[in-house]
Amino acid sequence: MKLEPIIQSLLDTDFYKFNMNQVIFHKHTDAMGEYIFKCRNPHIVFSDEMVKEINEQIDHLCTLRFHQNELNYLKSIRFIKNDYVEFLRLWHPIREYVKCGVNDNGELYCVVTGPCFSAMQFEIYLLEIINEVYFRFKYNYDELLEQARRKLKVKIDAMSKGKYTFKFAEFGCRRRLSREWQEEMYREFITKTTNCVGTSNVYLSMKYNTKPIGTFAHEFVQMYQGFPNIPLAYTNHTALKDWFAEYRGDNGIALTDTLTTDLFLLDFDYLNCNTYSGVRHDSGDPFEWGEKILAHYKKYGIDSKTKTLLFSDSLDFDRAQALNDYFKDRCKTSFGIGTFCSNDTDVEPLNIVLKLQKVNGRAVAKLSDVDGKEMCSDDDYLVYLKKSVEFRLEEERRLNALKEGK
């Protein structure tokens, strides 16, 4: 089987890739990164035929360049700067940065190594390629497409009847069934419902004249762990500072759980609470997380009704509606829904990631608010990172106890 090119535009990626990339382009062009692929589903085997197709798709990806209309679109976004767009005019994916094959167990490995500003851009493209190749080669794609259409119709019918009242953005690039299905699904949502307010897919945003949605991901905060002059437990502080310096509050939803939300909140002070328009949830119990965030705003005397809680952790529509009903009278709510939109068939979707694992030769990691989402190539470093985080949290608790006279 030979597929047509899966990636046909370099805009066919998540918006936050450009947001993060602009900061790195302006501040950290010397940072070197390594990304490693992982499939969290057990016993998933990639055949030689699949791997050959994946590598040929990567070859094609690396022939692409940004077209003038695409650069003009990026330039039209208020906080994307002209010098960065001119850099993208010159930039392209470099094939030598990517190694992809299978190990003796038939498990796919994929490693991207290069300057962070370039290596990071491969993530979404590669996940889109890997996922689509797997499902087209493993299953009857036409049957999967019909299953996805049937389930989409049920969702749209439920929205039209008022079962679902929340607003959401489509976040399905990385685990989509296919490029064609993501576009069909998105077109159906924006033409037949009022619930979908945009997508993370920049190409679809440009094509359908809708809002591209996204700010930053865990990799942005992880990157700062690779800089030896920044204490590990203060990387949130530096990342938030750099983000504000770049966007001056104009691009302001902050992700809380890279090194646990409790640590994040130590750096999410009065200035940041007011500067950032809201925060994003991506691990742990969303109801407990939301209560913790609202209490934090209250501590600083900030009206939480002016702030947004964005939920994006493995959501389906019932879960999103429950969260909306629970929080809607106390804050603005927003939802990013991915796989449930872009790869909802009768077959279990792949849970695949391509995570930043090293910066400047140093291990980096994400801790999150729940066990199971950690991914680190160095077990000793992971232990050290956890101890660094816990030490700062314990010190904060000790100081608070002294302040309260306990």
Protein backbone atom coordinates (compact mmCIF):
# COMPACT_ATOMS: atom_id res chain seq x y z
CA MET A 1 0.00 0.00 0.00
CA LYS A 2 1.22 3.47 -0.89
CA LEU A 3 -0.48 6.52 0.62
CA GLU A 4 -0.69 10.02 -0.74
CA PRO A 5 1.27 12.61 1.30
CA ILE A 6 -0.25 12.91 4.78
CA ILE A 7 1.29 16.31 5.57
CA GLN A 8 0.61 18.69 2.70
CA SER A 9 1.09 21.99 4.51
CA LEU A 10 3.46 23.01 7.28
CA LEU A 11 0.47 24.75 8.88
CA ASP A 12 -1.04 21.29 9.50
CA THR A 13 0.03 21.35 13.14
CA ASP A 14 -1.06 22.66 16.54
CA PHE A 15 -1.06 26.42 17.00
CA TYR A 16 0.92 26.30 20.22
CA LYS A 17 3.92 25.05 18.25
CA PHE A 18 4.23 28.49 16.66
CA ASN A 19 3.55 30.28 19.95
CA MET A 20 6.30 28.37 21.78
CA ASN A 21 8.62 28.46 18.80
CA GLN A 22 8.48 32.25 18.60
CA VAL A 23 9.67 32.57 22.22
CA ILE A 24 12.48 30.07 21.62
CA PHE A 25 13.47 31.85 18.40
CA HIS A 26 13.77 35.14 20.26
CA LYS A 27 15.39 33.88 23.47
CA HIS A 28 16.88 30.38 23.26
CA THR A 29 18.14 29.61 19.76
CA ASP A 30 21.21 27.87 21.21
CA ALA A 31 19.17 25.20 23.09
CA MET A 32 19.56 21.66 21.73
CA GLY A 33 16.77 19.12 22.27
CA GLU A 34 15.97 15.43 21.95
CA TYR A 35 12.42 14.10 21.53
CA ILE A 36 11.51 10.43 21.97
CA PHE A 37 8.38 8.63 20.77
CA LYS A 38 6.31 6.39 23.04
CA CYS A 39 3.14 4.39 22.48
CA ARG A 40 1.38 3.91 25.80
CA ASN A 41 -0.90 1.14 24.50
CA PRO A 42 0.51 -2.31 25.28
CA HIS A 43 1.47 -4.82 22.59
CA ILE A 44 1.25 -2.46 19.60
CA VAL A 45 3.39 -3.76 16.75
CA PHE A 46 4.42 -1.78 13.66
CA SER A 47 5.11 -3.90 10.60
CA ASP A 48 8.08 -3.35 8.28
CA GLU A 49 5.61 -2.08 5.68
CA MET A 50 4.26 0.51 8.12
CA VAL A 51 7.74 1.71 9.07
CA LYS A 52 8.76 2.00 5.41
CA GLU A 53 5.68 4.15 4.74
CA ILE A 54 6.30 6.28 7.83
CA ASN A 55 9.85 7.00 6.71
CA GLU A 56 8.72 7.85 3.19
CA GLN A 57 6.13 10.21 4.64
CA ILE A 58 8.87 11.87 6.72
CA ASP A 59 10.95 12.20 3.55
CA HIS A 60 8.07 14.08 1.94
CA LEU A 61 7.49 16.24 5.01
CA CYS A 62 11.07 17.47 4.77
CA THR A 63 10.53 18.71 1.20
CA LEU A 64 7.80 21.14 2.30
CA ARG A 65 8.22 24.89 2.72
CA PHE A 66 5.84 27.60 3.90
CA HIS A 67 3.94 29.24 1.04
CA GLN A 68 3.41 32.98 0.87
CA ASN A 69 -0.31 32.77 1.71
CA GLU A 70 0.55 30.70 4.79
CA LEU A 71 3.14 33.23 5.94
CA ASN A 72 0.65 36.03 5.36
CA TYR A 73 -1.88 34.20 7.51
CA LEU A 74 0.58 33.80 10.38
CA LYS A 75 1.53 37.47 10.05
CA SER A 76 -2.14 38.42 10.38
CA ILE A 77 -2.31 36.95 13.90
CA ARG A 78 -1.90 39.86 16.28
CA PHE A 79 0.90 38.51 18.48
CA ILE A 80 2.92 36.65 15.82
CA LYS A 81 5.83 38.94 14.98
CA ASN A 82 7.19 39.84 11.56
CA ASP A 83 10.77 38.75 12.24
CA TYR A 84 9.59 35.30 13.30
CA VAL A 85 7.49 34.95 10.15
CA GLU A 86 10.54 35.90 8.08
CA PHE A 87 12.50 33.19 9.88
CA LEU A 88 9.79 30.68 8.93
CA ARG A 89 10.20 31.76 5.30
CA LEU A 90 13.70 30.25 5.52
CA TRP A 91 12.97 27.33 7.88
CA HIS A 92 12.10 23.79 6.85
CA PRO A 93 12.12 20.35 8.54
CA ILE A 94 15.56 18.74 8.26
CA ARG A 95 15.49 14.99 7.57
CA GLU A 96 18.78 14.25 9.31
CA TYR A 97 17.24 15.24 12.64
CA VAL A 98 14.84 12.23 12.61
CA LYS A 99 15.58 8.54 13.13
CA CYS A 100 12.68 6.08 12.88
CA GLY A 101 12.54 2.26 12.93
CA VAL A 102 11.46 -0.73 15.02
CA ASN A 103 13.15 -2.66 17.82
CA ASP A 104 13.32 -6.45 18.10
CA ASN A 105 9.81 -6.55 19.62
CA GLY A 106 8.26 -4.73 16.68
CA GLU A 107 7.81 -1.59 18.74
CA LEU A 108 8.26 1.68 16.92
CA TYR A 109 11.05 4.00 17.96
CA CYS A 110 11.35 7.54 16.74
CA VAL A 111 13.95 10.05 17.93
CA VAL A 112 14.30 13.70 16.91
CA THR A 113 17.53 15.50 17.77
CA GLY A 114 18.44 19.07 16.88
CA PRO A 115 18.05 22.72 17.91
CA CYS A 116 14.92 23.03 20.07
CA PHE A 117 13.42 25.63 17.72
CA SER A 118 13.58 23.08 14.90
CA ALA A 119 13.25 19.70 16.65
CA MET A 120 10.08 20.73 18.48
CA GLN A 121 8.24 21.36 15.22
CA PHE A 122 8.46 17.69 14.25
CA GLU A 123 6.24 16.46 17.10
CA ILE A 124 2.77 16.98 15.65
CA TYR A 125 3.75 16.18 12.07
CA LEU A 126 5.27 12.84 13.14
CA LEU A 127 2.35 11.86 15.36
CA GLU A 128 -0.08 12.67 12.53
CA ILE A 129 1.96 10.50 10.16
CA ILE A 130 2.44 7.58 12.56
CA ASN A 131 -1.20 7.45 13.60
CA GLU A 132 -2.64 7.63 10.10
CA VAL A 133 -0.23 5.05 8.68
CA TYR A 134 -1.01 2.64 11.53
CA PHE A 135 -4.79 2.80 11.12
CA ARG A 136 -4.78 2.70 7.32
CA PHE A 137 -2.48 -0.34 7.25
CA LYS A 138 -3.90 -2.20 10.27
CA TYR A 139 -7.63 -1.88 9.60
CA ASN A 140 -10.17 -1.37 6.85
CA TYR A 141 -9.96 2.41 6.69
CA ASP A 142 -13.30 2.86 4.93
CA GLU A 143 -15.04 0.96 7.73
CA LEU A 144 -13.32 3.11 10.36
CA LEU A 145 -14.40 6.23 8.49
CA GLU A 146 -18.04 5.11 8.49
CA GLN A 147 -17.85 4.36 12.21
CA ALA A 148 -16.42 7.83 12.87
CA ARG A 149 -19.17 9.46 10.78
CA ARG A 150 -21.87 7.52 12.61
CA LYS A 151 -20.55 8.62 15.99
CA LEU A 152 -20.11 12.21 14.85
CA LYS A 153 -23.75 12.35 13.79
CA VAL A 154 -24.82 11.24 17.28
CA LYS A 155 -22.73 14.03 18.83
CA ILE A 156 -24.07 16.72 16.52
CA ASP A 157 -27.66 15.55 17.04
CA ALA A 158 -27.15 15.76 20.80
CA MET A 159 -25.85 19.31 20.48
CA SER A 160 -28.74 20.38 18.28
CA LYS A 161 -31.18 19.04 20.88
CA GLY A 162 -29.51 20.98 23.70
CA LYS A 163 -27.92 18.07 25.55
CA TYR A 164 -24.52 19.73 25.28
CA THR A 165 -24.30 23.47 25.92
CA PHE A 166 -20.58 24.01 26.49
CA LYS A 167 -18.19 25.65 24.00
CA PHE A 168 -15.09 23.74 22.91
CA ALA A 169 -12.08 23.83 20.61
CA GLU A 170 -11.10 20.84 18.50
CA PHE A 171 -7.62 19.62 19.61
CA GLY A 172 -7.36 16.43 17.56
CA CYS A 173 -4.23 16.76 15.40
CA ARG A 174 -1.86 14.39 17.16
CA ARG A 175 -4.10 11.31 17.29
CA ARG A 176 -6.43 11.87 14.38
CA LEU A 177 -7.66 9.01 12.24
CA SER A 178 -6.54 10.85 9.13
CA ARG A 179 -6.00 14.29 7.66
CA GLU A 180 -9.18 14.03 5.60
CA TRP A 181 -11.27 12.96 8.60
CA GLN A 182 -10.08 15.78 10.82
CA GLU A 183 -11.13 18.28 8.17
CA GLU A 184 -14.49 16.63 7.54
CA MET A 185 -15.22 16.38 11.25
CA TYR A 186 -14.23 20.00 11.91
CA ARG A 187 -16.30 21.27 8.98
CA GLU A 188 -19.35 19.40 10.32
CA PHE A 189 -18.94 20.87 13.80
CA ILE A 190 -18.54 24.48 12.71
CA THR A 191 -21.34 24.40 10.12
CA LYS A 192 -23.92 22.37 12.05
CA THR A 193 -23.40 23.47 15.65
CA THR A 194 -22.58 26.62 17.60
CA ASN A 195 -20.56 24.70 20.18
CA CYS A 196 -17.23 24.51 18.35
CA VAL A 197 -15.38 27.83 18.60
CA GLY A 198 -12.15 26.91 16.84
CA THR A 199 -9.36 24.40 16.38
CA SER A 200 -5.72 23.98 17.28
CA ASN A 201 -5.02 23.03 13.64
CA VAL A 202 -3.58 26.14 12.00
CA TYR A 203 -4.20 24.96 8.44
CA LEU A 204 -7.90 24.34 9.13
CA SER A 205 -8.13 27.69 10.92
CA MET A 206 -6.79 29.43 7.84
CA LYS A 207 -8.95 27.46 5.40
CA TYR A 208 -12.22 27.95 7.29
CA ASN A 209 -11.50 31.43 8.66
CA THR A 210 -11.84 30.36 12.30
CA LYS A 211 -9.75 31.08 15.36
CA PRO A 212 -6.52 29.10 15.93
CA ILE A 213 -6.40 28.12 19.59
CA GLY A 214 -3.46 27.23 21.85
CA THR A 215 -0.78 28.72 24.09
CA PHE A 216 2.05 26.49 25.41
CA ALA A 217 2.68 22.84 26.25
CA HIS A 218 4.70 20.95 28.87
CA GLU A 219 7.79 20.94 26.64
CA PHE A 220 8.09 24.72 26.99
CA VAL A 221 8.54 24.53 30.78
CA GLN A 222 10.60 21.32 30.52
CA MET A 223 13.10 23.10 28.26
CA TYR A 224 14.20 25.33 31.14
CA GLN A 225 15.34 22.27 33.11
CA GLY A 226 18.18 22.02 30.60
CA PHE A 227 19.61 25.44 31.56
CA PRO A 228 22.10 24.95 34.45
CA ASN A 229 21.67 28.51 35.79
CA ILE A 230 17.98 27.92 36.64
CA PRO A 231 17.12 25.89 39.79
CA LEU A 232 14.83 23.01 38.80
CA ALA A 233 12.02 24.04 41.15
CA TYR A 234 11.99 27.54 39.63
CA THR A 235 11.63 26.64 35.95
CA ASN A 236 7.92 27.58 35.99
CA HIS A 237 8.93 31.02 37.24
CA THR A 238 11.37 31.58 34.37
CA ALA A 239 9.05 30.14 31.71
CA LEU A 240 6.17 32.38 32.82
CA LYS A 241 8.49 35.38 32.86
CA ASP A 242 9.76 34.73 29.32
CA TRP A 243 6.23 34.13 28.04
CA PHE A 244 5.02 37.42 29.47
CA ALA A 245 8.04 39.28 28.06
CA GLU A 246 7.19 37.92 24.60
CA TYR A 247 3.42 38.41 24.59
CA ARG A 248 2.76 41.07 27.27
CA GLY A 249 -0.42 39.31 28.36
CA ASP A 250 -1.77 38.97 24.81
CA ASN A 251 -1.51 35.17 24.68
CA GLY A 252 -2.28 34.14 28.17
CA ILE A 253 -3.52 30.68 29.17
CA ALA A 254 -0.88 29.03 31.39
CA LEU A 255 -0.43 25.26 31.72
CA THR A 256 -0.15 24.31 35.39
CA ASP A 257 1.00 20.71 35.76
CA THR A 258 4.45 20.31 34.19
CA LEU A 259 5.99 20.06 37.68
CA THR A 260 2.69 19.68 39.59
CA THR A 261 0.08 22.37 40.03
CA ASP A 262 1.09 22.92 43.67
CA LEU A 263 4.56 24.03 42.57
CA PHE A 264 3.14 26.11 39.71
CA LEU A 265 0.95 28.07 42.10
CA LEU A 266 3.99 29.19 44.12
CA ASP A 267 5.07 31.15 41.04
CA PHE A 268 1.58 32.11 39.90
CA ASP A 269 1.63 35.23 42.07
CA TYR A 270 -0.59 38.29 42.08
CA LEU A 271 1.07 39.74 38.98
CA ASN A 272 0.78 36.49 37.00
CA CYS A 273 -2.78 35.87 38.17
CA ASN A 274 -3.76 39.23 36.73
CA THR A 275 -1.54 39.01 33.65
CA TYR A 276 -2.68 35.60 32.43
CA SER A 277 -6.29 35.27 31.30
CA GLY A 278 -6.56 31.76 32.73
CA VAL A 279 -4.99 28.36 33.22
CA ARG A 280 -5.18 24.92 31.56
CA HIS A 281 -5.81 21.54 33.19
CA ASP A 282 -4.14 18.44 31.75
CA SER A 283 -3.83 15.85 34.53
CA GLY A 284 -5.39 14.79 37.83
CA ASP A 285 -8.95 15.20 39.03
CA PRO A 286 -10.33 18.23 37.13
CA PHE A 287 -12.88 19.11 39.82
CA GLU A 288 -10.25 19.16 42.57
CA TRP A 289 -7.91 21.11 40.32
CA GLY A 290 -10.59 23.68 39.54
CA GLU A 291 -11.38 24.21 43.21
CA LYS A 292 -7.67 24.68 43.93
CA ILE A 293 -7.34 27.30 41.17
CA LEU A 294 -10.45 29.21 42.27
CA ALA A 295 -9.17 29.25 45.87
CA HIS A 296 -5.86 30.61 44.59
CA TYR A 297 -7.60 33.48 42.77
CA LYS A 298 -9.65 34.19 45.87
CA LYS A 299 -6.48 34.40 47.99
CA TYR A 300 -5.33 37.31 45.83
CA GLY A 301 -8.73 38.97 45.78
CA ILE A 302 -9.22 38.31 42.06
CA ASP A 303 -12.71 37.86 40.64
CA SER A 304 -12.57 34.34 39.18
CA LYS A 305 -15.49 35.18 36.87
CA THR A 306 -12.99 37.18 34.81
CA LYS A 307 -10.69 34.16 34.42
CA THR A 308 -10.84 31.04 32.23
CA LEU A 309 -10.38 27.44 33.31
CA LEU A 310 -9.47 25.44 30.20
CA PHE A 311 -9.88 21.67 30.52
CA SER A 312 -8.05 19.41 28.03
CA ASP A 313 -7.31 16.06 29.67
CA SER A 314 -8.82 13.11 27.74
CA LEU A 315 -12.26 14.71 27.58
CA ASP A 316 -15.45 13.40 26.07
CA PHE A 317 -18.62 15.46 25.76
CA ASP A 318 -20.34 14.11 28.88
CA ARG A 319 -17.29 14.90 30.99
CA ALA A 320 -17.00 18.38 29.50
CA GLN A 321 -20.69 19.09 30.14
CA ALA A 322 -20.36 17.98 33.77
CA LEU A 323 -17.37 20.28 34.29
CA ASN A 324 -19.15 23.16 32.56
CA ASP A 325 -22.24 22.75 34.76
CA TYR A 326 -20.10 22.60 37.91
CA PHE A 327 -17.89 25.65 37.26
CA LYS A 328 -19.85 27.88 34.86
CA ASP A 329 -21.25 30.24 37.52
CA ARG A 330 -17.86 30.85 39.13
CA CYS A 331 -15.53 31.35 36.16
CA LYS A 332 -15.30 31.18 32.39
CA THR A 333 -14.99 27.60 31.18
CA SER A 334 -13.36 26.34 28.01
CA PHE A 335 -12.63 22.85 26.68
CA GLY A 336 -10.07 21.37 24.32
CA ILE A 337 -11.27 18.01 23.03
CA GLY A 338 -8.97 15.87 20.92
CA THR A 339 -9.16 12.13 20.32
CA PHE A 340 -12.89 11.95 21.12
CA CYS A 341 -13.43 14.18 18.08
CA SER A 342 -10.68 13.13 15.69
CA ASN A 343 -10.40 9.36 16.24
CA ASP A 344 -13.61 8.04 17.79
CA THR A 345 -14.35 4.70 16.07
CA ASP A 346 -15.13 1.17 17.23
CA VAL A 347 -11.38 0.57 17.55
CA GLU A 348 -9.33 1.73 20.53
CA PRO A 349 -7.24 4.77 19.55
CA LEU A 350 -3.49 4.84 20.01
CA ASN A 351 -2.18 6.81 22.96
CA ILE A 352 1.02 8.08 21.35
CA VAL A 353 3.34 10.90 22.39
CA LEU A 354 6.64 12.41 21.28
CA LYS A 355 8.13 14.01 24.38
CA LEU A 356 11.11 16.26 25.02
CA GLN A 357 13.64 14.16 26.97
CA LYS A 358 16.92 16.08 26.84
CA VAL A 359 17.98 19.71 26.52
CA ASN A 360 21.65 20.57 26.05
CA GLY A 361 22.50 16.96 26.90
CA ARG A 362 20.67 17.11 30.27
CA ALA A 363 17.64 14.98 31.06
CA VAL A 364 14.31 16.79 31.44
CA ALA A 365 10.92 15.48 32.57
CA LYS A 366 7.27 16.19 33.17
CA LEU A 367 5.79 15.22 36.56
CA SER A 368 2.09 16.15 36.17
CA ASP A 369 -0.55 15.79 38.89
CA VAL A 370 -1.06 12.05 38.50
CA ASP A 371 1.15 8.98 38.21
CA GLY A 372 1.43 7.39 34.79
CA LYS A 373 2.05 10.47 32.68
CA GLU A 374 5.72 10.72 33.60
CA MET A 375 8.25 10.07 30.86
CA CYS A 376 11.97 10.40 31.52
CA SER A 377 15.03 8.75 29.99
CA ASP A 378 17.01 9.02 33.25
CA ASP A 379 15.55 7.44 36.41
CA ASP A 380 18.13 9.08 38.68
CA TYR A 381 17.27 12.49 37.29
CA LEU A 382 13.57 11.88 37.80
CA VAL A 383 14.20 11.09 41.49
CA TYR A 384 16.32 14.24 41.82
CA LEU A 385 13.68 16.38 40.12
CA LYS A 386 10.94 15.09 42.43
CA LYS A 387 13.12 15.81 45.47
CA SER A 388 13.81 19.33 44.21
CA VAL A 389 10.11 20.02 43.79
CA GLU A 390 9.21 18.50 47.15
CA PHE A 391 11.98 20.46 48.92
CA ARG A 392 10.59 23.77 47.67
CA LEU A 393 7.03 22.78 48.57
CA GLU A 394 8.12 21.69 52.07
CA GLU A 395 10.02 24.94 52.54
CA GLU A 396 6.93 26.90 51.55
CA ARG A 397 4.82 24.94 54.03
CA ARG A 398 7.41 25.58 56.76
CA LEU A 399 7.45 29.30 56.10
CA ASN A 400 3.66 29.45 56.10
CA ALA A 401 3.57 27.62 59.41
CA LEU A 402 6.02 30.12 60.92
CA LYS A 403 3.95 33.00 59.58
CA GLU A 404 0.84 31.56 61.23
CA GLY A 405 2.72 30.96 64.49
CA LYS A 406 2.39 27.19 64.41
